Every structure is written in C-alpha cells, then in structure tokens.
Amino acid sequence: MTAEPQRRCDMSLTELVTRYLSVAVEFGIPVALSAFALTPQETERIFTAYDQDYHVSRFLRFSNSVGPSYTIDGQPATHVTIDPQIRSIL
C-alpha cells in the first residue's frame, strides 16, 4: 500500500478490512457502505482514495444496489465486496 491513500483517508487498510469482516464475517460478501459507520463524506473520501490506489483497488468490488448511495471515484455505489487476496498486501 502506498502512503498517499493512508494520508488522504485517515483509515488504514487493515482497519478497513477489519470493519468489513466484522459485518461480512468472511471475504467475498457484499457489505453496505453505510455499515462502515462513517459520514457520507468520509465514506466517499476513504473508498475513493483506496479505489484510486492500484495496489488496493484490484481487491475491491463496488456495486450499486438497494440502500444509501455514495459516489466512489465518480461512480455510484452502495456496497463493497473485498477479495480474500487483499491479505497479500496487509
């Protein structure tokens, strides 16, 4: 992981994955972005920062379904799925 997304989003990748797993229980399950308990601005800033980082973004899958919608890197999204291979960069 590069230092830039860490600085821009104020949440480490490890913390992001921990929060994801606290809801999903295992990798590969879509989790509502609202479940991360962040403000809409924080949600958009944090996930956009990681989506713009090549080393991280290849493990994140955003989808647009039912629920509060956020703009992640210019695209609407309601859920994120994290691939288990993200462990290789933690």
PDB file of N, CA and C in Angstrom:
ATOM      1  N   MET A   1       0.846  -1.168   0.000  1.00  0.00           N
ATOM      2  CA  MET A   1       0.000   0.000   0.000  1.00  0.00           C
ATOM      3  C   MET A   1       0.887   1.225   0.000  1.00  0.00           C
ATOM      4  N   THR A   2       0.506   2.227  -0.766  1.00  0.00           N
ATOM      5  CA  THR A   2       1.271   3.457  -0.783  1.00  0.00           C
ATOM      6  C   THR A   2       0.862   4.332   0.385  1.00  0.00           C
ATOM      7  N   ALA A   3       1.694   5.283   0.723  1.00  0.00           N
ATOM      8  CA  ALA A   3       1.395   6.181   1.841  1.00  0.00           C
ATOM      9  C   ALA A   3       0.284   7.161   1.490  1.00  0.00           C
ATOM     10  N   GLU A   4       0.115   7.495   0.219  1.00  0.00           N
ATOM     11  CA  GLU A   4      -0.869   8.502  -0.186  1.00  0.00           C
ATOM     12  C   GLU A   4      -2.289   8.170   0.237  1.00  0.00           C
ATOM     13  N   PRO A   5      -2.848   6.995  -0.063  1.00  0.00           N
ATOM     14  CA  PRO A   5      -4.212   6.727   0.388  1.00  0.00           C
ATOM     15  C   PRO A   5      -4.340   6.755   1.906  1.00  0.00           C
ATOM     16  N   GLN A   6      -3.337   6.281   2.610  1.00  0.00           N
ATOM     17  CA  GLN A   6      -3.384   6.318   4.075  1.00  0.00           C
ATOM     18  C   GLN A   6      -3.529   7.758   4.556  1.00  0.00           C
ATOM     19  N   ARG A   7      -2.746   8.654   4.010  1.00  0.00           N
ATOM     20  CA  ARG A   7      -2.773  10.051   4.419  1.00  0.00           C
ATOM     21  C   ARG A   7      -4.092  10.695   4.022  1.00  0.00           C
ATOM     22  N   ARG A   8      -4.600  10.395   2.856  1.00  0.00           N
ATOM     23  CA  ARG A   8      -5.811  11.029   2.367  1.00  0.00           C
ATOM     24  C   ARG A   8      -7.064  10.527   3.051  1.00  0.00           C
ATOM     25  N   CYS A   9      -7.066   9.311   3.521  1.00  0.00           N
ATOM     26  CA  CYS A   9      -8.321   8.768   4.028  1.00  0.00           C
ATOM     27  C   CYS A   9      -8.361   8.601   5.541  1.00  0.00           C
ATOM     28  N   ASP A  10      -7.246   8.700   6.213  1.00  0.00           N
ATOM     29  CA  ASP A  10      -7.223   8.617   7.672  1.00  0.00           C
ATOM     30  C   ASP A  10      -7.762   7.299   8.226  1.00  0.00           C
ATOM     31  N   MET A  11      -7.749   6.260   7.445  1.00  0.00           N
ATOM     32  CA  MET A  11      -8.120   4.921   7.914  1.00  0.00           C
ATOM     33  C   MET A  11      -7.162   3.939   7.250  1.00  0.00           C
ATOM     34  N   SER A  12      -6.480   3.164   8.065  1.00  0.00           N
ATOM     35  CA  SER A  12      -5.547   2.202   7.492  1.00  0.00           C
ATOM     36  C   SER A  12      -6.312   1.112   6.749  1.00  0.00           C
ATOM     37  N   LEU A  13      -5.623   0.479   5.842  1.00  0.00           N
ATOM     38  CA  LEU A  13      -6.231  -0.612   5.097  1.00  0.00           C
ATOM     39  C   LEU A  13      -6.603  -1.754   6.037  1.00  0.00           C
ATOM     40  N   THR A  14      -5.769  -2.005   7.019  1.00  0.00           N
ATOM     41  CA  THR A  14      -6.064  -3.054   7.997  1.00  0.00           C
ATOM     42  C   THR A  14      -7.361  -2.755   8.744  1.00  0.00           C
ATOM     43  N   GLU A  15      -7.552  -1.501   9.147  1.00  0.00           N
ATOM     44  CA  GLU A  15      -8.786  -1.121   9.832  1.00  0.00           C
ATOM     45  C   GLU A  15      -9.997  -1.262   8.904  1.00  0.00           C
ATOM     46  N   LEU A  16      -9.841  -0.864   7.655  1.00  0.00           N
ATOM     47  CA  LEU A  16     -10.927  -1.001   6.691  1.00  0.00           C
ATOM     48  C   LEU A  16     -11.337  -2.465   6.538  1.00  0.00           C
ATOM     49  N   VAL A  17     -10.354  -3.346   6.392  1.00  0.00           N
ATOM     50  CA  VAL A  17     -10.631  -4.776   6.234  1.00  0.00           C
ATOM     51  C   VAL A  17     -11.241  -5.343   7.518  1.00  0.00           C
ATOM     52  N   THR A  18     -10.764  -4.917   8.664  1.00  0.00           N
ATOM     53  CA  THR A  18     -11.323  -5.376   9.939  1.00  0.00           C
ATOM     54  C   THR A  18     -12.789  -4.980  10.051  1.00  0.00           C
ATOM     55  N   ARG A  19     -13.102  -3.744   9.697  1.00  0.00           N
ATOM     56  CA  ARG A  19     -14.501  -3.301   9.736  1.00  0.00           C
ATOM     57  C   ARG A  19     -15.351  -4.094   8.749  1.00  0.00           C
ATOM     58  N   TYR A  20     -14.812  -4.339   7.575  1.00  0.00           N
ATOM     59  CA  TYR A  20     -15.523  -5.133   6.566  1.00  0.00           C
ATOM     60  C   TYR A  20     -15.845  -6.525   7.119  1.00  0.00           C
ATOM     61  N   LEU A  21     -14.841  -7.179   7.668  1.00  0.00           N
ATOM     62  CA  LEU A  21     -15.034  -8.540   8.168  1.00  0.00           C
ATOM     63  C   LEU A  21     -15.943  -8.600   9.391  1.00  0.00           C
ATOM     64  N   SER A  22     -16.027  -7.524  10.139  1.00  0.00           N
ATOM     65  CA  SER A  22     -16.930  -7.518  11.296  1.00  0.00           C
ATOM     66  C   SER A  22     -18.390  -7.589  10.857  1.00  0.00           C
ATOM     67  N   VAL A  23     -18.658  -7.157   9.641  1.00  0.00           N
ATOM     68  CA  VAL A  23     -20.018  -7.218   9.096  1.00  0.00           C
ATOM     69  C   VAL A  23     -20.182  -8.439   8.192  1.00  0.00           C
ATOM     70  N   ALA A  24     -19.233  -8.646   7.301  1.00  0.00           N
ATOM     71  CA  ALA A  24     -19.344  -9.718   6.303  1.00  0.00           C
ATOM     72  C   ALA A  24     -19.037 -11.093   6.883  1.00  0.00           C
ATOM     73  N   VAL A  25     -18.224 -11.160   7.905  1.00  0.00           N
ATOM     74  CA  VAL A  25     -17.746 -12.387   8.552  1.00  0.00           C
ATOM     75  C   VAL A  25     -16.689 -13.096   7.703  1.00  0.00           C
ATOM     76  N   GLU A  26     -16.804 -13.054   6.399  1.00  0.00           N
ATOM     77  CA  GLU A  26     -15.783 -13.634   5.539  1.00  0.00           C
ATOM     78  C   GLU A  26     -15.679 -12.803   4.268  1.00  0.00           C
ATOM     79  N   PHE A  27     -14.560 -12.937   3.583  1.00  0.00           N
ATOM     80  CA  PHE A  27     -14.338 -12.210   2.346  1.00  0.00           C
ATOM     81  C   PHE A  27     -15.321 -12.663   1.271  1.00  0.00           C
ATOM     82  N   GLY A  28     -15.575 -11.775   0.311  1.00  0.00           N
ATOM     83  CA  GLY A  28     -16.400 -12.124  -0.837  1.00  0.00           C
ATOM     84  C   GLY A  28     -17.881 -11.840  -0.671  1.00  0.00           C
ATOM     85  N   ILE A  29     -18.280 -11.275   0.447  1.00  0.00           N
ATOM     86  CA  ILE A  29     -19.691 -10.984   0.700  1.00  0.00           C
ATOM     87  C   ILE A  29     -19.892  -9.471   0.590  1.00  0.00           C
ATOM     88  N   PRO A  30     -20.879  -9.024  -0.196  1.00  0.00           N
ATOM     89  CA  PRO A  30     -21.131  -7.585  -0.306  1.00  0.00           C
ATOM     90  C   PRO A  30     -21.579  -6.995   1.029  1.00  0.00           C
ATOM     91  N   VAL A  31     -21.017  -5.848   1.363  1.00  0.00           N
ATOM     92  CA  VAL A  31     -21.351  -5.127   2.593  1.00  0.00           C
ATOM     93  C   VAL A  31     -21.783  -3.717   2.197  1.00  0.00           C
ATOM     94  N   ALA A  32     -22.874  -3.269   2.781  1.00  0.00           N
ATOM     95  CA  ALA A  32     -23.342  -1.908   2.522  1.00  0.00           C
ATOM     96  C   ALA A  32     -22.284  -0.916   3.002  1.00  0.00           C
ATOM     97  N   LEU A  33     -22.004   0.078   2.177  1.00  0.00           N
ATOM     98  CA  LEU A  33     -21.035   1.095   2.577  1.00  0.00           C
ATOM     99  C   LEU A  33     -21.484   1.817   3.837  1.00  0.00           C
ATOM    100  N   SER A  34     -22.777   1.922   4.038  1.00  0.00           N
ATOM    101  CA  SER A  34     -23.298   2.570   5.241  1.00  0.00           C
ATOM    102  C   SER A  34     -22.956   1.790   6.512  1.00  0.00           C
ATOM    103  N   ALA A  35     -22.647   0.501   6.396  1.00  0.00           N
ATOM    104  CA  ALA A  35     -22.315  -0.335   7.552  1.00  0.00           C
ATOM    105  C   ALA A  35     -20.959   0.028   8.168  1.00  0.00           C
ATOM    106  N   PHE A  36     -20.164   0.816   7.468  1.00  0.00           N
ATOM    107  CA  PHE A  36     -18.861   1.208   7.993  1.00  0.00           C
ATOM    108  C   PHE A  36     -18.981   2.329   9.016  1.00  0.00           C
ATOM    109  N   ALA A  37     -20.198   2.833   9.209  1.00  0.00           N
ATOM    110  CA  ALA A  37     -20.495   3.849  10.228  1.00  0.00           C
ATOM    111  C   ALA A  37     -19.639   5.104  10.089  1.00  0.00           C
ATOM    112  N   LEU A  38     -19.521   5.576   8.868  1.00  0.00           N
ATOM    113  CA  LEU A  38     -18.798   6.805   8.576  1.00  0.00           C
ATOM    114  C   LEU A  38     -19.784   7.838   8.055  1.00  0.00           C
ATOM    115  N   THR A  39     -19.403   9.098   8.071  1.00  0.00           N
ATOM    116  CA  THR A  39     -20.252  10.103   7.443  1.00  0.00           C
ATOM    117  C   THR A  39     -20.224   9.874   5.934  1.00  0.00           C
ATOM    118  N   PRO A  40     -21.206  10.370   5.216  1.00  0.00           N
ATOM    119  CA  PRO A  40     -21.167  10.216   3.759  1.00  0.00           C
ATOM    120  C   PRO A  40     -19.879  10.768   3.141  1.00  0.00           C
ATOM    121  N   GLN A  41     -19.412  11.899   3.636  1.00  0.00           N
ATOM    122  CA  GLN A  41     -18.179  12.485   3.105  1.00  0.00           C
ATOM    123  C   GLN A  41     -16.968  11.595   3.389  1.00  0.00           C
ATOM    124  N   GLU A  42     -16.884  11.054   4.596  1.00  0.00           N
ATOM    125  CA  GLU A  42     -15.777  10.150   4.933  1.00  0.00           C
ATOM    126  C   GLU A  42     -15.839   8.892   4.084  1.00  0.00           C
ATOM    127  N   THR A  43     -17.033   8.345   3.923  1.00  0.00           N
ATOM    128  CA  THR A  43     -17.202   7.132   3.117  1.00  0.00           C
ATOM    129  C   THR A  43     -16.697   7.370   1.701  1.00  0.00           C
ATOM    130  N   GLU A  44     -17.124   8.459   1.103  1.00  0.00           N
ATOM    131  CA  GLU A  44     -16.709   8.750  -0.275  1.00  0.00           C
ATOM    132  C   GLU A  44     -15.214   9.020  -0.360  1.00  0.00           C
ATOM    133  N   ARG A  45     -14.668   9.765   0.579  1.00  0.00           N
ATOM    134  CA  ARG A  45     -13.242  10.098   0.549  1.00  0.00           C
ATOM    135  C   ARG A  45     -12.377   8.851   0.753  1.00  0.00           C
ATOM    136  N   ILE A  46     -12.706   8.049   1.763  1.00  0.00           N
ATOM    137  CA  ILE A  46     -11.899   6.872   2.085  1.00  0.00           C
ATOM    138  C   ILE A  46     -11.946   5.838   0.963  1.00  0.00           C
ATOM    139  N   PHE A  47     -13.136   5.499   0.522  1.00  0.00           N
ATOM    140  CA  PHE A  47     -13.232   4.469  -0.512  1.00  0.00           C
ATOM    141  C   PHE A  47     -12.719   4.953  -1.860  1.00  0.00           C
ATOM    142  N   THR A  48     -12.879   6.234  -2.159  1.00  0.00           N
ATOM    143  CA  THR A  48     -12.308   6.769  -3.397  1.00  0.00           C
ATOM    144  C   THR A  48     -10.791   6.702  -3.348  1.00  0.00           C
ATOM    145  N   ALA A  49     -10.208   7.055  -2.206  1.00  0.00           N
ATOM    146  CA  ALA A  49      -8.746   7.002  -2.080  1.00  0.00           C
ATOM    147  C   ALA A  49      -8.228   5.590  -2.316  1.00  0.00           C
ATOM    148  N   TYR A  50      -8.869   4.610  -1.713  1.00  0.00           N
ATOM    149  CA  TYR A  50      -8.419   3.228  -1.921  1.00  0.00           C
ATOM    150  C   TYR A  50      -8.742   2.730  -3.326  1.00  0.00           C
ATOM    151  N   ASP A  51      -9.829   3.179  -3.913  1.00  0.00           N
ATOM    152  CA  ASP A  51     -10.162   2.781  -5.278  1.00  0.00           C
ATOM    153  C   ASP A  51      -9.163   3.355  -6.282  1.00  0.00           C
ATOM    154  N   GLN A  52      -8.541   4.458  -5.957  1.00  0.00           N
ATOM    155  CA  GLN A  52      -7.565   5.076  -6.849  1.00  0.00           C
ATOM    156  C   GLN A  52      -6.160   4.503  -6.665  1.00  0.00           C
ATOM    157  N   ASP A  53      -5.967   3.696  -5.662  1.00  0.00           N
ATOM    158  CA  ASP A  53      -4.669   3.063  -5.419  1.00  0.00           C
ATOM    159  C   ASP A  53      -4.675   1.689  -6.093  1.00  0.00           C
ATOM    160  N   TYR A  54      -3.873   1.529  -7.132  1.00  0.00           N
ATOM    161  CA  TYR A  54      -3.864   0.280  -7.899  1.00  0.00           C
ATOM    162  C   TYR A  54      -3.641  -0.945  -7.021  1.00  0.00           C
ATOM    163  N   HIS A  55      -2.761  -0.834  -6.048  1.00  0.00           N
ATOM    164  CA  HIS A  55      -2.421  -1.986  -5.213  1.00  0.00           C
ATOM    165  C   HIS A  55      -3.602  -2.443  -4.359  1.00  0.00           C
ATOM    166  N   VAL A  56      -4.517  -1.539  -4.067  1.00  0.00           N
ATOM    167  CA  VAL A  56      -5.674  -1.863  -3.241  1.00  0.00           C
ATOM    168  C   VAL A  56      -6.911  -2.109  -4.096  1.00  0.00           C
ATOM    169  N   SER A  57      -7.113  -1.276  -5.102  1.00  0.00           N
ATOM    170  CA  SER A  57      -8.365  -1.310  -5.871  1.00  0.00           C
ATOM    171  C   SER A  57      -8.637  -2.650  -6.554  1.00  0.00           C
ATOM    172  N   ARG A  58      -7.618  -3.379  -6.871  1.00  0.00           N
ATOM    173  CA  ARG A  58      -7.839  -4.674  -7.550  1.00  0.00           C
ATOM    174  C   ARG A  58      -8.528  -5.696  -6.639  1.00  0.00           C
ATOM    175  N   PHE A  59      -8.597  -5.390  -5.337  1.00  0.00           N
ATOM    176  CA  PHE A  59      -9.259  -6.290  -4.396  1.00  0.00           C
ATOM    177  C   PHE A  59     -10.635  -5.802  -3.960  1.00  0.00           C
ATOM    178  N   LEU A  60     -11.035  -4.615  -4.413  1.00  0.00           N
ATOM    179  CA  LEU A  60     -12.327  -4.035  -4.041  1.00  0.00           C
ATOM    180  C   LEU A  60     -13.292  -4.113  -5.207  1.00  0.00           C
ATOM    181  N   ARG A  61     -14.520  -4.549  -4.942  1.00  0.00           N
ATOM    182  CA  ARG A  61     -15.572  -4.618  -5.960  1.00  0.00           C
ATOM    183  C   ARG A  61     -16.758  -3.812  -5.446  1.00  0.00           C
ATOM    184  N   PHE A  62     -17.053  -2.737  -6.137  1.00  0.00           N
ATOM    185  CA  PHE A  62     -18.189  -1.902  -5.747  1.00  0.00           C
ATOM    186  C   PHE A  62     -19.403  -2.287  -6.563  1.00  0.00           C
ATOM    187  N   SER A  63     -20.562  -2.212  -5.939  1.00  0.00           N
ATOM    188  CA  SER A  63     -21.818  -2.492  -6.640  1.00  0.00           C
ATOM    189  C   SER A  63     -22.846  -1.449  -6.226  1.00  0.00           C
ATOM    190  N   ASN A  64     -23.843  -1.301  -7.068  1.00  0.00           N
ATOM    191  CA  ASN A  64     -24.893  -0.326  -6.812  1.00  0.00           C
ATOM    192  C   ASN A  64     -26.209  -1.087  -6.715  1.00  0.00           C
ATOM    193  N   SER A  65     -26.734  -1.171  -5.519  1.00  0.00           N
ATOM    194  CA  SER A  65     -27.939  -1.946  -5.246  1.00  0.00           C
ATOM    195  C   SER A  65     -28.884  -1.088  -4.418  1.00  0.00           C
ATOM    196  N   VAL A  66     -29.568  -1.711  -3.497  1.00  0.00           N
ATOM    197  CA  VAL A  66     -30.532  -1.028  -2.628  1.00  0.00           C
ATOM    198  C   VAL A  66     -29.812  -0.459  -1.414  1.00  0.00           C
ATOM    199  N   GLY A  67     -30.140   0.748  -1.045  1.00  0.00           N
ATOM    200  CA  GLY A  67     -29.566   1.372   0.144  1.00  0.00           C
ATOM    201  C   GLY A  67     -28.970   2.719  -0.180  1.00  0.00           C
ATOM    202  N   PRO A  68     -28.420   3.371   0.840  1.00  0.00           N
ATOM    203  CA  PRO A  68     -27.807   4.670   0.613  1.00  0.00           C
ATOM    204  C   PRO A  68     -26.700   4.578  -0.431  1.00  0.00           C
ATOM    205  N   SER A  69     -26.709   5.515  -1.351  1.00  0.00           N
ATOM    206  CA  SER A  69     -25.731   5.515  -2.438  1.00  0.00           C
ATOM    207  C   SER A  69     -24.663   6.567  -2.180  1.00  0.00           C
ATOM    208  N   TYR A  70     -23.441   6.233  -2.545  1.00  0.00           N
ATOM    209  CA  TYR A  70     -22.289   7.115  -2.397  1.00  0.00           C
ATOM    210  C   TYR A  70     -21.604   7.221  -3.755  1.00  0.00           C
ATOM    211  N   THR A  71     -20.838   8.267  -3.939  1.00  0.00           N
ATOM    212  CA  THR A  71     -20.061   8.428  -5.162  1.00  0.00           C
ATOM    213  C   THR A  71     -18.629   8.026  -4.851  1.00  0.00           C
ATOM    214  N   ILE A  72     -18.224   6.903  -5.418  1.00  0.00           N
ATOM    215  CA  ILE A  72     -16.882   6.371  -5.213  1.00  0.00           C
ATOM    216  C   ILE A  72     -16.118   6.514  -6.520  1.00  0.00           C
ATOM    217  N   ASP A  73     -15.133   7.378  -6.496  1.00  0.00           N
ATOM    218  CA  ASP A  73     -14.323   7.657  -7.689  1.00  0.00           C
ATOM    219  C   ASP A  73     -15.209   7.987  -8.897  1.00  0.00           C
ATOM    220  N   GLY A  74     -16.249   8.777  -8.644  1.00  0.00           N
ATOM    221  CA  GLY A  74     -17.123   9.245  -9.711  1.00  0.00           C
ATOM    222  C   GLY A  74     -18.261   8.316 -10.090  1.00  0.00           C
ATOM    223  N   GLN A  75     -18.347   7.159  -9.444  1.00  0.00           N
ATOM    224  CA  GLN A  75     -19.380   6.169  -9.763  1.00  0.00           C
ATOM    225  C   GLN A  75     -20.287   5.932  -8.555  1.00  0.00           C
ATOM    226  N   PRO A  76     -21.599   5.746  -8.790  1.00  0.00           N
ATOM    227  CA  PRO A  76     -22.485   5.449  -7.668  1.00  0.00           C
ATOM    228  C   PRO A  76     -22.228   4.034  -7.132  1.00  0.00           C
ATOM    229  N   ALA A  77     -22.266   3.897  -5.819  1.00  0.00           N
ATOM    230  CA  ALA A  77     -22.057   2.586  -5.198  1.00  0.00           C
ATOM    231  C   ALA A  77     -22.796   2.539  -3.868  1.00  0.00           C
ATOM    232  N   THR A  78     -23.329   1.367  -3.564  1.00  0.00           N
ATOM    233  CA  THR A  78     -23.995   1.146  -2.282  1.00  0.00           C
ATOM    234  C   THR A  78     -23.284   0.084  -1.451  1.00  0.00           C
ATOM    235  N   HIS A  79     -22.550  -0.813  -2.115  1.00  0.00           N
ATOM    236  CA  HIS A  79     -21.909  -1.946  -1.438  1.00  0.00           C
ATOM    237  C   HIS A  79     -20.472  -2.128  -1.917  1.00  0.00           C
ATOM    238  N   VAL A  80     -19.685  -2.775  -1.078  1.00  0.00           N
ATOM    239  CA  VAL A  80     -18.330  -3.163  -1.448  1.00  0.00           C
ATOM    240  C   VAL A  80     -18.137  -4.629  -1.078  1.00  0.00           C
ATOM    241  N   THR A  81     -17.425  -5.328  -1.935  1.00  0.00           N
ATOM    242  CA  THR A  81     -17.000  -6.702  -1.674  1.00  0.00           C
ATOM    243  C   THR A  81     -15.477  -6.690  -1.709  1.00  0.00           C
ATOM    244  N   ILE A  82     -14.869  -7.310  -0.739  1.00  0.00           N
ATOM    245  CA  ILE A  82     -13.399  -7.361  -0.700  1.00  0.00           C
ATOM    246  C   ILE A  82     -12.960  -8.796  -0.942  1.00  0.00           C
ATOM    247  N   ASP A  83     -12.025  -8.947  -1.884  1.00  0.00           N
ATOM    248  CA  ASP A  83     -11.495 -10.256  -2.216  1.00  0.00           C
ATOM    249  C   ASP A  83     -10.508 -10.722  -1.142  1.00  0.00           C
ATOM    250  N   PRO A  84     -10.469 -12.019  -0.866  1.00  0.00           N
ATOM    251  CA  PRO A  84      -9.574 -12.528   0.185  1.00  0.00           C
ATOM    252  C   PRO A  84      -8.093 -12.307  -0.142  1.00  0.00           C
ATOM    253  N   GLN A  85      -7.757 -12.139  -1.395  1.00  0.00           N
ATOM    254  CA  GLN A  85      -6.361 -11.924  -1.773  1.00  0.00           C
ATOM    255  C   GLN A  85      -5.798 -10.604  -1.234  1.00  0.00           C
ATOM    256  N   ILE A  86      -6.662  -9.748  -0.699  1.00  0.00           N
ATOM    257  CA  ILE A  86      -6.190  -8.482  -0.129  1.00  0.00           C
ATOM    258  C   ILE A  86      -5.211  -8.747   1.021  1.00  0.00           C
ATOM    259  N   ARG A  87      -5.308  -9.917   1.633  1.00  0.00           N
ATOM    260  CA  ARG A  87      -4.389 -10.267   2.714  1.00  0.00           C
ATOM    261  C   ARG A  87      -2.935 -10.202   2.278  1.00  0.00           C
ATOM    262  N   SER A  88      -2.682 -10.349   0.969  1.00  0.00           N
ATOM    263  CA  SER A  88      -1.307 -10.323   0.467  1.00  0.00           C
ATOM    264  C   SER A  88      -0.654  -8.954   0.600  1.00  0.00           C
ATOM    265  N   ILE A  89      -1.439  -7.896   0.818  1.00  0.00           N
ATOM    266  CA  ILE A  89      -0.864  -6.556   0.959  1.00  0.00           C
ATOM    267  C   ILE A  89      -1.080  -5.962   2.347  1.00  0.00           C
ATOM    268  N   LEU A  90      -1.642  -6.729   3.243  1.00  0.00           N
ATOM    269  CA  LEU A  90      -1.843  -6.220   4.609  1.00  0.00           C
ATOM    270  C   LEU A  90      -0.574  -6.329   5.421  1.00  0.00           C
TER     271      LEU A  90
END
